[in-house]
C-alpha atoms as a PDB file:
ATOM      1  CA  UNK A   1     -81.320 284.012 303.286  1.00  0.00           C
ATOM      2  CA  UNK A   2     -84.605 281.870 303.312  1.00  0.00           C
ATOM      3  CA  UNK A   3     -87.721 281.914 304.838  1.00  0.00           C
ATOM      4  CA  UNK A   4     -90.266 278.603 305.347  1.00  0.00           C
ATOM      5  CA  UNK A   5     -94.006 278.200 306.874  1.00  0.00           C
ATOM      6  CA  UNK A   6     -94.582 276.394 309.996  1.00  0.00           C
ATOM      7  CA  UNK A   7     -98.052 275.274 311.178  1.00  0.00           C
ATOM      8  CA  UNK A   8     -98.353 276.672 314.307  1.00  0.00           C
ATOM      9  CA  UNK A   9    -101.844 274.775 315.881  1.00  0.00           C
ATOM     10  CA  UNK A  10    -103.508 273.369 319.344  1.00  0.00           C
ATOM     11  CA  UNK A  11    -102.520 270.258 321.434  1.00  0.00           C
ATOM     12  CA  UNK A  12    -105.642 270.355 320.817  1.00  0.00           C
ATOM     13  CA  UNK A  13    -105.120 268.352 317.324  1.00  0.00           C
ATOM     14  CA  UNK A  14    -103.790 265.365 319.273  1.00  0.00           C
ATOM     15  CA  UNK A  15    -105.268 262.605 321.693  1.00  0.00           C
ATOM     16  CA  UNK A  16    -104.338 262.036 325.412  1.00  0.00           C
ATOM     17  CA  UNK A  17    -102.586 258.995 323.694  1.00  0.00           C
ATOM     18  CA  UNK A  18    -100.349 260.426 321.455  1.00  0.00           C
ATOM     19  CA  UNK A  19     -99.244 262.897 324.250  1.00  0.00           C
ATOM     20  CA  UNK A  20     -97.599 260.144 325.325  1.00  0.00           C
ATOM     21  CA  UNK A  21     -96.081 259.574 322.306  1.00  0.00           C
ATOM     22  CA  UNK A  22     -94.857 262.598 321.441  1.00  0.00           C
ATOM     23  CA  UNK A  23     -93.170 263.045 324.554  1.00  0.00           C
ATOM     24  CA  UNK A  24     -91.711 259.075 323.998  1.00  0.00           C
ATOM     25  CA  UNK A  25     -90.692 260.428 320.901  1.00  0.00           C
ATOM     26  CA  UNK A  26     -88.876 263.234 322.276  1.00  0.00           C
ATOM     27  CA  UNK A  27     -86.367 261.719 323.599  1.00  0.00           C
ATOM     28  CA  UNK A  28     -85.727 258.499 321.392  1.00  0.00           C
ATOM     29  CA  UNK A  29     -82.729 258.914 319.866  1.00  0.00           C
ATOM     30  CA  UNK A  30     -79.908 257.154 317.372  1.00  0.00           C
ATOM     31  CA  UNK A  31     -77.120 256.063 318.840  1.00  0.00           C
ATOM     32  CA  UNK A  32     -74.978 258.862 317.949  1.00  0.00           C
ATOM     33  CA  UNK A  33     -77.853 260.731 320.561  1.00  0.00           C
ATOM     34  CA  UNK A  34     -79.838 262.922 317.430  1.00  0.00           C
ATOM     35  CA  UNK A  35     -83.191 262.576 317.729  1.00  0.00           C
ATOM     36  CA  UNK A  36     -84.798 260.167 315.553  1.00  0.00           C
ATOM     37  CA  UNK A  37     -88.456 261.270 314.958  1.00  0.00           C
ATOM     38  CA  UNK A  38     -87.099 265.112 314.866  1.00  0.00           C
ATOM     39  CA  UNK A  39     -89.823 265.588 317.298  1.00  0.00           C
ATOM     40  CA  UNK A  40     -88.595 268.408 319.988  1.00  0.00           C
ATOM     41  CA  UNK A  41     -90.390 269.287 323.179  1.00  0.00           C
ATOM     42  CA  UNK A  42     -91.621 272.729 324.475  1.00  0.00           C
ATOM     43  CA  UNK A  43     -92.593 274.468 327.328  1.00  0.00           C
ATOM     44  CA  UNK A  44     -96.330 274.126 325.793  1.00  0.00           C
ATOM     45  CA  UNK A  45     -96.058 271.600 323.221  1.00  0.00           C
ATOM     46  CA  UNK A  46     -93.990 269.854 320.370  1.00  0.00           C
ATOM     47  CA  UNK A  47     -92.130 271.200 317.178  1.00  0.00           C
ATOM     48  CA  UNK A  48     -91.823 268.634 314.353  1.00  0.00           C
ATOM     49  CA  UNK A  49     -90.347 268.524 311.249  1.00  0.00           C
ATOM     50  CA  UNK A  50     -92.184 268.133 308.351  1.00  0.00           C
ATOM     51  CA  UNK A  51     -90.806 264.827 307.789  1.00  0.00           C
ATOM     52  CA  UNK A  52     -92.249 261.489 305.029  1.00  0.00           C
ATOM     53  CA  UNK A  53     -93.735 259.394 307.959  1.00  0.00           C
ATOM     54  CA  UNK A  54     -94.667 258.975 311.121  1.00  0.00           C
ATOM     55  CA  UNK A  55     -96.066 255.795 312.736  1.00  0.00           C
ATOM     56  CA  UNK A  56     -98.791 258.080 314.319  1.00  0.00           C
ATOM     57  CA  UNK A  57    -101.724 258.333 312.124  1.00  0.00           C
ATOM     58  CA  UNK A  58    -103.098 261.391 314.225  1.00  0.00           C
ATOM     59  CA  UNK A  59     -99.524 263.136 313.556  1.00  0.00           C
ATOM     60  CA  UNK A  60     -98.796 261.454 310.140  1.00  0.00           C
ATOM     61  CA  UNK A  61    -102.587 263.209 309.335  1.00  0.00           C
ATOM     62  CA  UNK A  62    -101.025 266.698 310.310  1.00  0.00           C
ATOM     63  CA  UNK A  63     -97.813 266.196 308.836  1.00  0.00           C
ATOM     64  CA  UNK A  64     -99.958 265.885 305.532  1.00  0.00           C
ATOM     65  CA  UNK A  65    -102.041 268.962 306.161  1.00  0.00           C
ATOM     66  CA  UNK A  66     -98.611 270.703 306.742  1.00  0.00           C
ATOM     67  CA  UNK A  67     -97.054 269.769 303.477  1.00  0.00           C
ATOM     68  CA  UNK A  68    -100.202 270.372 301.938  1.00  0.00           C
ATOM     69  CA  UNK A  69     -99.308 274.471 302.998  1.00  0.00           C
ATOM     70  CA  UNK A  70     -95.943 274.083 302.133  1.00  0.00           C
ATOM     71  CA  UNK A  71     -95.326 273.850 305.751  1.00  0.00           C
ATOM     72  CA  UNK A  72     -91.056 272.795 306.621  1.00  0.00           C
ATOM     73  CA  UNK A  73     -92.283 272.533 310.833  1.00  0.00           C
ATOM     74  CA  UNK A  74     -95.285 271.780 313.015  1.00  0.00           C
ATOM     75  CA  UNK A  75     -95.568 273.689 316.317  1.00  0.00           C
ATOM     76  CA  UNK A  76     -97.898 271.903 318.139  1.00  0.00           C
ATOM     77  CA  UNK A  77     -99.122 274.259 321.301  1.00  0.00           C
ATOM     78  CA  UNK A  78    -101.652 275.589 323.446  1.00  0.00           C
ATOM     79  CA  UNK A  79    -101.906 278.690 322.839  1.00  0.00           C
ATOM     80  CA  UNK A  80    -102.161 277.662 318.903  1.00  0.00           C
ATOM     81  CA  UNK A  81    -105.211 277.965 316.823  1.00  0.00           C
ATOM     82  CA  UNK A  82    -107.817 275.577 316.506  1.00  0.00           C
ATOM     83  CA  UNK A  83    -107.705 274.245 312.599  1.00  0.00           C
ATOM     84  CA  UNK A  84    -111.015 272.918 311.304  1.00  0.00           C
ATOM     85  CA  UNK A  85    -109.241 270.977 308.583  1.00  0.00           C
ATOM     86  CA  UNK A  86    -108.233 268.841 311.335  1.00  0.00           C
ATOM     87  CA  UNK A  87    -109.846 266.788 313.751  1.00  0.00           C
ATOM     88  CA  UNK A  88    -109.495 267.516 317.541  1.00  0.00           C
ATOM     89  CA  UNK A  89    -109.511 265.754 320.680  1.00  0.00           C
ATOM     90  CA  UNK A  90    -111.133 266.308 324.134  1.00  0.00           C
END
């Protein structure tokens, strides 16, 4: 059995434009129906795999931060805490 870390942070760490991009990335699939970005919508935000690259600078900053904390996943949630090490929008 393995237990892995997840970074659970506020959706305030993404701008309105990035929110729209996250929603688009959630439905952007490969031909076999698998989500190509590793981003999934939840009722209160998004679940992200900590991947190597993301075309969105805000998301990449969050993924890089999560990786530096040895996290495998990021949960952006409206109930998540603000991380003082990351930018905050609106």
